[in-house]
């Protein structure tokens, strides 16, 4: 089965499309970031290392894997 045509006129096979999909899953940085969400931590501290009233001490977003 043929899935498309290359710029030079050659055919793109199903095996090539599958291989491209697997390589994309493995090496695509954007996809990896979406699939394996990074953990982001923010800590706000006032002057002299003292925690200020009304400031959230720590914010954690994401999941750990």
Protein backbone atom coordinates (compact mmCIF):
# COMPACT_ATOMS: atom_id res chain seq x y z
CA UNK A 1 0.00 0.00 0.00
CA UNK A 2 1.28 3.46 -0.88
CA UNK A 3 0.62 6.37 1.51
CA UNK A 4 1.94 9.31 -0.44
CA UNK A 5 4.59 10.65 -2.68
CA UNK A 6 8.04 12.08 -1.96
CA UNK A 7 9.19 15.40 -3.35
CA UNK A 8 11.23 13.55 -5.97
CA UNK A 9 8.24 11.48 -7.04
CA UNK A 10 9.00 8.25 -5.12
CA UNK A 11 6.35 6.40 -3.16
CA UNK A 12 6.04 6.39 0.66
CA UNK A 13 5.28 2.93 2.02
CA UNK A 14 3.29 1.89 5.08
CA UNK A 15 6.49 0.60 6.72
CA UNK A 16 8.13 4.02 6.32
CA UNK A 17 5.13 5.76 7.86
CA UNK A 18 5.17 3.34 10.83
CA UNK A 19 8.91 3.84 11.30
CA UNK A 20 8.46 7.63 11.22
CA UNK A 21 5.71 7.35 13.86
CA UNK A 22 7.92 5.27 16.17
CA UNK A 23 10.87 7.64 15.76
CA UNK A 24 8.63 10.62 16.45
CA UNK A 25 7.33 9.00 19.66
CA UNK A 26 10.90 8.33 20.74
CA UNK A 27 12.70 11.57 19.85
CA UNK A 28 10.11 14.38 19.66
CA UNK A 29 10.86 16.70 22.59
CA UNK A 30 7.44 18.38 22.47
CA UNK A 31 5.62 15.03 22.51
CA UNK A 32 7.78 13.77 25.40
CA UNK A 33 6.99 16.93 27.38
CA UNK A 34 3.26 16.39 26.85
CA UNK A 35 3.37 12.68 27.67
CA UNK A 36 5.75 12.91 30.65
CA UNK A 37 4.79 16.18 32.27
CA UNK A 38 7.72 17.74 34.12
CA UNK A 39 7.47 18.70 37.79
CA UNK A 40 7.77 22.44 38.33
CA UNK A 41 8.35 23.76 41.84
CA UNK A 42 8.40 27.40 42.90
CA UNK A 43 9.25 28.60 46.39
CA UNK A 44 8.82 32.22 47.39
CA UNK A 45 10.76 33.50 50.39
CA UNK A 46 10.78 37.01 51.84
CA UNK A 47 13.72 39.14 52.95
CA UNK A 48 16.36 37.44 55.04
CA UNK A 49 14.97 34.00 54.30
CA UNK A 50 11.78 34.60 56.29
CA UNK A 51 8.50 33.47 54.78
CA UNK A 52 6.09 36.39 54.43
CA UNK A 53 2.46 36.21 55.50
CA UNK A 54 0.05 35.83 52.58
CA UNK A 55 2.63 34.28 50.26
CA UNK A 56 2.13 30.70 49.24
CA UNK A 57 5.11 28.78 50.53
CA UNK A 58 5.48 26.24 47.72
CA UNK A 59 3.71 25.51 44.46
CA UNK A 60 4.10 22.16 42.73
CA UNK A 61 2.75 21.47 39.26
CA UNK A 62 3.01 18.28 37.28
CA UNK A 63 3.59 14.68 38.19
CA UNK A 64 6.58 12.64 39.24
CA UNK A 65 7.59 9.60 37.21
